[in-house]
């Protein structure tokens, strides 16, 4: 239910508007002056203010100016019994949504109120979207490669230059694209993502450029494409190396001309879009194989960015771990968690084939599966090291005994994890007596749950 504040120094008008608006399902508050209006807004958030211009004390225009200074301020419709064009123009410049003259037309008033509330909702949703984009675009890490990447983003973001982001799956290529968008002059417009590998070949033209009703099987209406949706903003073409040659030619033309034609349409649509692309493939190798257009490659590869895999910046693992612990503790309404140095060392030794995405998923799993644990210890982590190669597993151990003990510990943890903590079942899988496994766990520092 929307809150509407009616501000008028005439009691009859206030009460009349309250009766009408409450019948329409709105919650109505009343104020007889500009001062009372501002006091009401301190105590109760409203989506809309119906504000009379001629008030005793602080007039409506001064009140409007003060309202517009409030964070997440409501929309304001000005009301006057003897307004002039000059007054209406001034009110609009100060940020009023619209202007109504007395005596009020009921139909016009209700339509205007609906439009103003829709505008407020869209403004709020847009504000929330921007906050989410900014939160998602935070690049965590103080390693040399990540500091260099942030510097590169700072230089490139204010321009309209195209960027091609290279990196393995899970390294955070979308995050880099978001960071570029969030620091650019286009940040107040949309960031639109297209995963070129996830869209069926028959539909990718429609996804990118839109279609007219009936142009494709099942096309029951007109559809706006991603290029059009990103007009004024940024279009992120993820996994661009998986795009077909036919679609590549159309994208090339759209980049060159900043216009395209919807599927089933004759008239071109002009847009202003900044394109950022990303790939986990070697596009120059794909060009040599005939899988990617060389001319499109040069259009996209104006400034290449490289996002290093997590194994090449292990020093960022503690910071990333803390960041994800905070994120998921808040997401699942859990208290903030700490993590032991031993657990961090275990995470830092792992090669992370799935990169930052794998670490993020692991931390989410740990938070979910250990709802009452305040301090994350090594025993709470999945058995990661058993997946390492022998050469990597031996790194960091000065004696064969240490390496063997570490391997045994992680292998037992793996089997316990697969057995959901059931020691008897794990002992059967390991071919050990239950009592022998208990002694081995105690010797290796594995917590024994009775």
Protein backbone atom coordinates (compact mmCIF):
# COMPACT_ATOMS: atom_id res chain seq x y z
CA UNK A 1 0.00 0.00 0.00
CA UNK A 2 1.48 3.35 -1.06
CA UNK A 3 1.73 6.22 1.44
CA UNK A 4 0.51 9.59 0.15
CA UNK A 5 0.96 12.82 2.12
CA UNK A 6 -1.63 15.56 1.39
CA UNK A 7 -0.39 19.06 2.30
CA UNK A 8 -2.98 21.87 2.18
CA UNK A 9 -3.94 24.61 4.63
CA UNK A 10 -7.64 24.09 3.89
CA UNK A 11 -9.08 21.35 6.12
CA UNK A 12 -11.96 20.54 3.75
CA UNK A 13 -9.59 19.87 0.85
CA UNK A 14 -7.35 17.66 3.01
CA UNK A 15 -10.26 15.58 4.24
CA UNK A 16 -11.88 15.35 0.82
CA UNK A 17 -8.66 14.08 -0.78
CA UNK A 18 -8.14 11.62 2.07
CA UNK A 19 -11.60 10.11 1.56
CA UNK A 20 -11.12 9.74 -2.21
CA UNK A 21 -7.60 8.28 -1.97
CA UNK A 22 -8.42 5.85 0.83
CA UNK A 23 -11.28 4.51 -1.30
CA UNK A 24 -8.65 3.85 -3.99
CA UNK A 25 -6.62 1.78 -1.53
CA UNK A 26 -3.92 4.30 -0.58
CA UNK A 27 -2.74 5.07 2.95
CA UNK A 28 -3.13 8.83 3.44
CA UNK A 29 -1.35 11.21 5.81
CA UNK A 30 -2.28 14.88 6.27
CA UNK A 31 -0.35 18.09 6.96
CA UNK A 32 -1.60 21.68 7.11
CA UNK A 33 1.73 23.45 6.45
CA UNK A 34 5.14 23.08 4.86
CA UNK A 35 6.75 22.73 8.28
CA UNK A 36 4.30 19.98 9.28
CA UNK A 37 4.92 18.24 5.94
CA UNK A 38 8.69 18.06 6.55
CA UNK A 39 8.13 16.82 10.08
CA UNK A 40 5.80 14.08 8.81
CA UNK A 41 8.40 12.96 6.26
CA UNK A 42 11.00 12.62 9.03
CA UNK A 43 8.71 10.19 10.84
CA UNK A 44 7.13 8.29 7.94
CA UNK A 45 8.39 7.48 4.45
CA UNK A 46 6.00 8.37 1.64
CA UNK A 47 5.97 7.62 -2.05
CA UNK A 48 4.05 10.76 -3.05
CA UNK A 49 3.26 14.24 -1.72
CA UNK A 50 0.30 16.30 -2.97
CA UNK A 51 1.55 19.80 -2.12
CA UNK A 52 -0.38 23.05 -2.27
CA UNK A 53 1.71 25.99 -3.46
CA UNK A 54 0.04 28.68 -1.36
CA UNK A 55 0.60 27.74 2.27
CA UNK A 56 0.75 29.76 5.48
CA UNK A 57 4.37 30.14 6.60
CA UNK A 58 6.76 28.19 4.36
CA UNK A 59 5.20 28.17 0.90
CA UNK A 60 4.90 25.14 -1.38
CA UNK A 61 7.92 25.91 -3.58
CA UNK A 62 10.24 26.27 -0.56
CA UNK A 63 8.79 23.06 0.86
CA UNK A 64 9.34 21.29 -2.48
CA UNK A 65 12.98 22.39 -2.48
CA UNK A 66 13.46 20.95 1.02
CA UNK A 67 11.69 17.71 0.10
CA UNK A 68 14.00 17.18 -2.87
CA UNK A 69 16.97 17.23 -0.49
CA UNK A 70 15.67 14.15 1.35
CA UNK A 71 17.38 10.86 0.47
CA UNK A 72 15.02 8.65 -1.58
CA UNK A 73 12.58 11.54 -1.62
CA UNK A 74 8.94 11.05 -2.67
CA UNK A 75 7.50 12.31 -5.93
CA UNK A 76 5.71 15.64 -5.56
CA UNK A 77 2.60 16.86 -7.38
CA UNK A 78 2.01 20.59 -6.91
CA UNK A 79 -1.55 21.93 -6.47
CA UNK A 80 -2.68 25.53 -6.94
CA UNK A 81 -5.95 27.40 -7.14
CA UNK A 82 -4.50 30.26 -9.17
CA UNK A 83 -1.29 28.99 -10.71
CA UNK A 84 0.61 30.61 -13.52
CA UNK A 85 2.81 29.17 -16.24
CA UNK A 86 5.80 30.80 -14.54
CA UNK A 87 4.99 29.05 -11.27
CA UNK A 88 4.47 25.70 -12.96
CA UNK A 89 7.81 26.00 -14.78
CA UNK A 90 9.60 26.89 -11.55
CA UNK A 91 8.02 23.92 -9.74
CA UNK A 92 9.08 21.57 -12.53
CA UNK A 93 12.65 22.89 -12.43
CA UNK A 94 12.71 22.28 -8.68
CA UNK A 95 11.79 18.64 -9.32
CA UNK A 96 7.99 18.47 -9.14
CA UNK A 97 6.51 15.51 -11.01
CA UNK A 98 3.57 17.52 -12.35
CA UNK A 99 1.13 20.34 -11.63
CA UNK A 100 -2.62 20.27 -10.84
CA UNK A 101 -5.01 23.22 -10.79
CA UNK A 102 -8.01 23.62 -8.49
CA UNK A 103 -10.79 22.69 -8.70
CA UNK A 104 -9.30 19.23 -9.11
CA UNK A 105 -10.57 16.84 -11.75
CA UNK A 106 -11.01 13.49 -10.04
CA UNK A 107 -10.08 11.37 -13.08
CA UNK A 108 -7.05 13.49 -13.95
CA UNK A 109 -5.88 13.50 -10.33
CA UNK A 110 -6.08 9.72 -9.98
CA UNK A 111 -4.27 9.12 -13.28
CA UNK A 112 -1.52 11.56 -12.32
CA UNK A 113 -1.15 9.93 -8.90
CA UNK A 114 -0.80 6.49 -10.50
CA UNK A 115 1.84 7.78 -12.93
CA UNK A 116 3.77 9.49 -10.15
CA UNK A 117 3.76 6.34 -8.02
CA UNK A 118 4.95 4.30 -11.01
CA UNK A 119 7.77 6.80 -11.55
CA UNK A 120 8.77 6.59 -7.88
CA UNK A 121 8.80 2.79 -8.01
CA UNK A 122 10.97 2.77 -11.13
CA UNK A 123 13.34 5.31 -9.60
CA UNK A 124 13.65 3.18 -6.45
CA UNK A 125 14.19 -0.02 -8.46
CA UNK A 126 16.82 1.73 -10.56
CA UNK A 127 18.56 2.95 -7.41
CA UNK A 128 18.55 -0.56 -5.93
CA UNK A 129 19.87 -1.97 -9.19
CA UNK A 130 22.75 0.51 -9.15
CA UNK A 131 23.61 -0.42 -5.56
CA UNK A 132 23.61 -4.11 -6.50
CA UNK A 133 25.84 -3.43 -9.51
CA UNK A 134 28.25 -1.43 -7.36
CA UNK A 135 28.33 -4.19 -4.72
CA UNK A 136 28.92 -6.85 -7.36
CA UNK A 137 31.66 -4.84 -9.04
CA UNK A 138 34.00 -4.78 -6.02
CA UNK A 139 37.29 -6.43 -7.01
CA UNK A 140 38.86 -8.12 -4.00
CA UNK A 141 42.59 -8.74 -3.84
CA UNK A 142 45.87 -6.97 -3.13
CA UNK A 143 48.18 -9.13 -5.24
CA UNK A 144 50.29 -7.39 -7.85
CA UNK A 145 48.16 -8.71 -10.78
CA UNK A 146 44.94 -7.44 -9.17
CA UNK A 147 46.40 -4.02 -8.35
CA UNK A 148 47.52 -3.75 -11.98
CA UNK A 149 44.05 -4.80 -13.15
CA UNK A 150 42.38 -2.10 -11.01
CA UNK A 151 44.75 0.51 -12.43
CA UNK A 152 43.89 -0.65 -15.94
CA UNK A 153 40.15 -0.36 -15.15
CA UNK A 154 40.63 3.16 -13.76
CA UNK A 155 42.32 4.27 -16.98
CA UNK A 156 39.90 2.54 -19.37
CA UNK A 157 36.53 2.98 -17.64
CA UNK A 158 35.97 6.71 -18.39
CA UNK A 159 36.37 6.09 -22.14
CA UNK A 160 34.09 4.42 -24.68
CA UNK A 161 36.84 2.07 -25.88
CA UNK A 162 35.96 -1.57 -26.34
CA UNK A 163 37.54 -4.11 -24.02
CA UNK A 164 38.18 -7.83 -24.53
CA UNK A 165 38.66 -9.70 -21.25
CA UNK A 166 40.63 -12.95 -21.26
CA UNK A 167 40.70 -15.50 -18.47
CA UNK A 168 39.79 -18.99 -17.40
CA UNK A 169 36.25 -19.84 -16.34
CA UNK A 170 35.49 -18.62 -12.84
CA UNK A 171 38.20 -15.95 -12.65
CA UNK A 172 35.75 -13.05 -12.52
CA UNK A 173 35.59 -11.68 -16.05
CA UNK A 174 32.01 -10.47 -15.53
CA UNK A 175 33.15 -8.72 -12.34
CA UNK A 176 35.78 -6.80 -14.33
CA UNK A 177 33.18 -5.83 -16.95
CA UNK A 178 30.86 -4.60 -14.18
CA UNK A 179 33.68 -2.61 -12.59
CA UNK A 180 34.40 -0.91 -15.91
CA UNK A 181 30.71 -0.05 -16.35
CA UNK A 182 30.31 1.17 -12.74
CA UNK A 183 33.24 3.58 -13.12
CA UNK A 184 32.18 4.87 -16.53
CA UNK A 185 29.97 7.80 -17.60
CA UNK A 186 27.39 5.13 -18.53
CA UNK A 187 26.97 3.90 -14.95
CA UNK A 188 23.47 5.39 -14.61
CA UNK A 189 22.26 3.28 -17.54
CA UNK A 190 21.91 -0.49 -17.85
CA UNK A 191 24.61 -3.14 -17.79
CA UNK A 192 23.20 -5.93 -19.99
CA UNK A 193 24.84 -9.35 -20.12
CA UNK A 194 24.56 -11.98 -22.86
CA UNK A 195 26.10 -15.43 -22.42
CA UNK A 196 26.80 -16.34 -26.04
CA UNK A 197 27.45 -19.99 -25.15
CA UNK A 198 24.11 -20.48 -23.38
CA UNK A 199 21.71 -19.31 -26.11
CA UNK A 200 20.57 -21.75 -28.82
CA UNK A 201 21.81 -20.85 -32.30
CA UNK A 202 18.25 -20.39 -33.61
CA UNK A 203 17.51 -17.74 -31.00
CA UNK A 204 20.72 -15.75 -30.56
CA UNK A 205 19.80 -13.24 -33.30
CA UNK A 206 16.53 -12.60 -31.49
CA UNK A 207 18.30 -12.27 -28.12
CA UNK A 208 20.81 -9.77 -29.46
CA UNK A 209 18.69 -7.75 -31.88
CA UNK A 210 15.05 -8.52 -30.95
CA UNK A 211 12.23 -9.60 -33.23
CA UNK A 212 8.84 -8.60 -34.51
CA UNK A 213 5.68 -10.53 -33.74
CA UNK A 214 5.45 -13.69 -35.82
CA UNK A 215 9.01 -13.43 -37.18
CA UNK A 216 10.01 -16.66 -35.43
CA UNK A 217 8.11 -19.78 -34.31
CA UNK A 218 6.52 -18.97 -30.97
CA UNK A 219 7.13 -15.21 -31.29
CA UNK A 220 3.75 -14.08 -29.96
CA UNK A 221 4.78 -10.43 -29.67
CA UNK A 222 7.53 -7.92 -30.35
CA UNK A 223 10.73 -8.43 -28.37
CA UNK A 224 13.42 -5.93 -27.45
CA UNK A 225 16.93 -7.27 -28.04
CA UNK A 226 19.95 -6.89 -25.75
CA UNK A 227 21.56 -4.24 -27.99
CA UNK A 228 18.44 -2.09 -27.73
CA UNK A 229 18.07 -2.70 -24.01
CA UNK A 230 21.66 -1.59 -23.44
CA UNK A 231 21.17 1.68 -25.36
CA UNK A 232 23.13 4.34 -23.48
CA UNK A 233 24.75 1.69 -21.31
CA UNK A 234 27.05 -1.31 -21.60
CA UNK A 235 26.53 -4.63 -23.38
CA UNK A 236 28.65 -7.50 -22.04
CA UNK A 237 29.15 -10.35 -24.51
CA UNK A 238 30.34 -13.23 -22.33
CA UNK A 239 31.98 -16.27 -23.95
CA UNK A 240 32.09 -14.41 -27.26
CA UNK A 241 34.33 -17.15 -28.69
CA UNK A 242 31.31 -19.47 -28.80
CA UNK A 243 29.32 -17.21 -31.11
CA UNK A 244 28.58 -18.63 -34.57
CA UNK A 245 30.17 -17.09 -37.66
CA UNK A 246 26.75 -15.98 -38.92
CA UNK A 247 26.02 -14.07 -35.71
CA UNK A 248 29.57 -12.69 -35.64
CA UNK A 249 28.98 -10.96 -38.98
CA UNK A 250 25.82 -9.28 -37.66
CA UNK A 251 27.55 -8.18 -34.45
CA UNK A 252 30.42 -6.78 -36.51
CA UNK A 253 28.00 -4.67 -38.53
CA UNK A 254 26.19 -3.48 -35.39
CA UNK A 255 29.52 -2.41 -33.87
CA UNK A 256 30.59 -0.56 -37.00
CA UNK A 257 27.29 1.23 -37.60
CA UNK A 258 25.81 1.36 -34.07
CA UNK A 259 22.57 0.17 -35.60
CA UNK A 260 20.85 -3.11 -36.37
CA UNK A 261 17.60 -4.54 -37.70
CA UNK A 262 15.25 -6.65 -35.63
CA UNK A 263 14.40 -10.11 -36.93
CA UNK A 264 11.35 -9.69 -39.17
CA UNK A 265 11.73 -5.91 -39.43
CA UNK A 266 12.74 -3.66 -42.31
CA UNK A 267 13.64 -0.50 -40.44
CA UNK A 268 17.04 -0.27 -38.67
CA UNK A 269 17.30 0.77 -35.02
CA UNK A 270 20.11 3.12 -33.96
CA UNK A 271 21.72 2.70 -30.54
CA UNK A 272 24.61 4.04 -28.47
CA UNK A 273 26.15 0.99 -26.82
CA UNK A 274 29.57 0.27 -25.36
CA UNK A 275 30.49 -3.37 -25.92
CA UNK A 276 32.73 -5.33 -23.55
CA UNK A 277 33.47 -8.94 -24.50
CA UNK A 278 35.02 -11.85 -22.62
CA UNK A 279 36.34 -15.28 -23.53
CA UNK A 280 38.15 -18.25 -22.02
CA UNK A 281 39.44 -19.23 -25.46
CA UNK A 282 42.52 -18.21 -27.43
CA UNK A 283 40.75 -16.20 -30.12
CA UNK A 284 43.83 -15.94 -32.33
CA UNK A 285 43.95 -19.73 -32.39
CA UNK A 286 40.21 -19.80 -33.14
CA UNK A 287 40.86 -17.41 -36.05
CA UNK A 288 43.50 -19.76 -37.47
CA UNK A 289 40.96 -22.60 -37.25
CA UNK A 290 38.35 -20.54 -39.08
CA UNK A 291 36.05 -20.38 -36.05
CA UNK A 292 36.27 -16.64 -35.37
CA UNK A 293 36.29 -13.61 -37.66
CA UNK A 294 39.57 -11.72 -37.68
CA UNK A 295 37.85 -8.38 -38.37
CA UNK A 296 35.53 -8.84 -35.37
CA UNK A 297 38.50 -9.76 -33.20
CA UNK A 298 40.20 -6.45 -34.04
CA UNK A 299 36.97 -4.53 -33.34
CA UNK A 300 36.62 -6.11 -29.89
CA UNK A 301 40.28 -6.30 -28.92
CA UNK A 302 40.88 -2.53 -28.68
CA UNK A 303 42.19 -2.93 -25.13
CA UNK A 304 42.84 -6.49 -23.89
CA UNK A 305 42.45 -7.28 -20.19
CA UNK A 306 43.75 -10.46 -18.58
CA UNK A 307 42.25 -11.84 -15.36
CA UNK A 308 44.78 -14.22 -13.77
CA UNK A 309 43.67 -17.59 -12.36
CA UNK A 310 43.52 -17.89 -8.59
CA UNK A 311 46.51 -20.25 -8.48
CA UNK A 312 48.65 -17.36 -9.76
CA UNK A 313 47.58 -15.05 -6.95
CA UNK A 314 47.37 -17.27 -3.89
CA UNK A 315 48.06 -14.29 -1.62
CA UNK A 316 44.49 -13.11 -2.36
CA UNK A 317 42.91 -16.28 -0.96
CA UNK A 318 42.68 -15.04 2.69
CA UNK A 319 41.07 -11.75 1.65
CA UNK A 320 38.64 -13.45 -0.73
CA UNK A 321 37.75 -16.01 1.93
CA UNK A 322 36.96 -13.27 4.46
CA UNK A 323 34.90 -11.41 1.87
CA UNK A 324 32.80 -14.49 1.04
CA UNK A 325 32.37 -15.44 4.71
CA UNK A 326 30.95 -11.98 5.38
CA UNK A 327 28.73 -12.12 2.28
CA UNK A 328 27.17 -15.51 3.02
CA UNK A 329 26.89 -15.00 6.77
CA UNK A 330 24.75 -11.94 5.99
CA UNK A 331 22.84 -13.71 3.20
CA UNK A 332 21.84 -16.60 5.47
CA UNK A 333 21.32 -14.45 8.59
CA UNK A 334 24.24 -16.03 10.40
CA UNK A 335 26.71 -14.36 12.71
CA UNK A 336 29.95 -13.23 11.09
CA UNK A 337 32.54 -16.02 11.10
CA UNK A 338 36.25 -16.22 11.73
CA UNK A 339 38.58 -18.72 10.10
CA UNK A 340 41.70 -20.30 11.56
CA UNK A 341 45.18 -19.85 10.11
CA UNK A 342 45.37 -23.60 9.51
CA UNK A 343 42.18 -23.51 7.43
CA UNK A 344 43.50 -20.57 5.43
CA UNK A 345 46.76 -22.44 4.77
CA UNK A 346 44.74 -25.40 3.49
CA UNK A 347 42.80 -23.15 1.12
CA UNK A 348 45.96 -21.39 -0.06
CA UNK A 349 47.67 -24.71 -0.93
CA UNK A 350 44.86 -25.77 -3.24
CA UNK A 351 45.25 -25.11 -6.99
CA UNK A 352 41.60 -23.92 -7.51
CA UNK A 353 40.84 -25.27 -11.00
CA UNK A 354 37.44 -23.54 -10.75
CA UNK A 355 39.11 -20.31 -9.65
CA UNK A 356 37.29 -17.65 -7.58
CA UNK A 357 33.89 -19.15 -8.40
CA UNK A 358 34.96 -22.46 -6.85
CA UNK A 359 36.22 -20.71 -3.70
CA UNK A 360 32.98 -18.73 -3.44
CA UNK A 361 30.85 -21.87 -3.78
CA UNK A 362 32.97 -23.68 -1.22
CA UNK A 363 32.60 -20.91 1.36
CA UNK A 364 28.85 -20.80 0.78
CA UNK A 365 28.72 -24.55 1.40
CA UNK A 366 30.75 -24.21 4.60
CA UNK A 367 28.44 -21.47 5.94
CA UNK A 368 25.30 -23.48 5.12
CA UNK A 369 26.54 -26.79 6.48
CA UNK A 370 27.90 -25.35 9.75
CA UNK A 371 25.13 -23.08 11.03
CA UNK A 372 26.30 -22.97 14.67
CA UNK A 373 30.06 -22.87 14.14
CA UNK A 374 31.61 -19.52 15.05
CA UNK A 375 35.16 -20.27 13.92
CA UNK A 376 35.80 -22.17 10.69
CA UNK A 377 38.54 -24.73 11.20
CA UNK A 378 40.34 -27.04 8.82
CA UNK A 379 38.02 -29.90 9.74
CA UNK A 380 35.05 -27.91 8.40
CA UNK A 381 36.56 -27.70 4.91
CA UNK A 382 35.94 -30.33 2.23
CA UNK A 383 38.99 -32.54 1.55
CA UNK A 384 40.59 -30.47 -1.17
CA UNK A 385 44.23 -31.52 -1.22
CA UNK A 386 43.58 -35.08 -2.42
CA UNK A 387 42.86 -33.55 -5.85
CA UNK A 388 46.34 -32.05 -6.14
CA UNK A 389 49.09 -33.54 -8.27
CA UNK A 390 51.90 -35.34 -6.37
CA UNK A 391 54.38 -32.54 -7.10
CA UNK A 392 52.04 -29.89 -5.75
CA UNK A 393 51.07 -32.00 -2.77
CA UNK A 394 54.70 -32.34 -1.76
CA UNK A 395 55.27 -28.60 -1.79
CA UNK A 396 55.71 -27.07 1.66
CA UNK A 397 56.75 -30.30 3.46
CA UNK A 398 60.30 -30.72 4.70
CA UNK A 399 60.11 -34.47 5.42
CA UNK A 400 58.45 -37.54 3.93
CA UNK A 401 56.70 -38.13 7.26
CA UNK A 402 55.02 -34.68 7.10
CA UNK A 403 53.89 -35.20 3.50
CA UNK A 404 52.53 -38.69 4.27
CA UNK A 405 50.69 -37.47 7.38
CA UNK A 406 49.11 -34.60 5.39
CA UNK A 407 48.02 -36.99 2.65
CA UNK A 408 46.54 -39.45 5.17
CA UNK A 409 44.72 -36.66 6.97
CA UNK A 410 43.10 -35.31 3.83
CA UNK A 411 42.27 -38.77 2.49
CA UNK A 412 40.51 -39.65 5.76
CA UNK A 413 38.69 -36.31 5.73
CA UNK A 414 37.58 -37.06 2.16
CA UNK A 415 36.14 -40.43 3.13
CA UNK A 416 34.47 -38.94 6.23
CA UNK A 417 32.96 -36.25 4.03
CA UNK A 418 31.67 -38.86 1.57
CA UNK A 419 30.24 -40.83 4.53
CA UNK A 420 28.55 -37.70 5.91
CA UNK A 421 30.60 -37.92 9.11
CA UNK A 422 29.70 -41.55 9.84
CA UNK A 423 32.95 -42.98 11.27
CA UNK A 424 31.81 -46.61 11.07
CA UNK A 425 30.96 -46.30 7.37
CA UNK A 426 34.22 -44.43 6.67
CA UNK A 427 36.20 -47.17 8.45
CA UNK A 428 34.56 -49.82 6.25
CA UNK A 429 35.47 -47.86 3.10
CA UNK A 430 39.05 -47.41 4.32
CA UNK A 431 39.37 -51.10 5.27
CA UNK A 432 40.16 -50.25 8.91
CA UNK A 433 38.76 -51.29 12.24
CA UNK A 434 36.61 -48.55 13.73
CA UNK A 435 38.88 -48.27 16.79
CA UNK A 436 41.96 -48.08 14.55
CA UNK A 437 40.39 -45.22 12.57
CA UNK A 438 39.59 -43.37 15.79
CA UNK A 439 43.23 -43.61 16.91
CA UNK A 440 44.44 -42.50 13.50
CA UNK A 441 42.06 -39.50 13.53
CA UNK A 442 43.25 -38.48 17.00
CA UNK A 443 46.91 -38.74 15.95
CA UNK A 444 46.28 -36.63 12.85
CA UNK A 445 44.35 -33.94 14.74
CA UNK A 446 40.96 -34.74 13.21
CA UNK A 447 38.13 -33.91 15.58
CA UNK A 448 36.23 -36.99 16.68
CA UNK A 449 32.46 -36.58 16.95
CA UNK A 450 31.03 -39.01 19.44
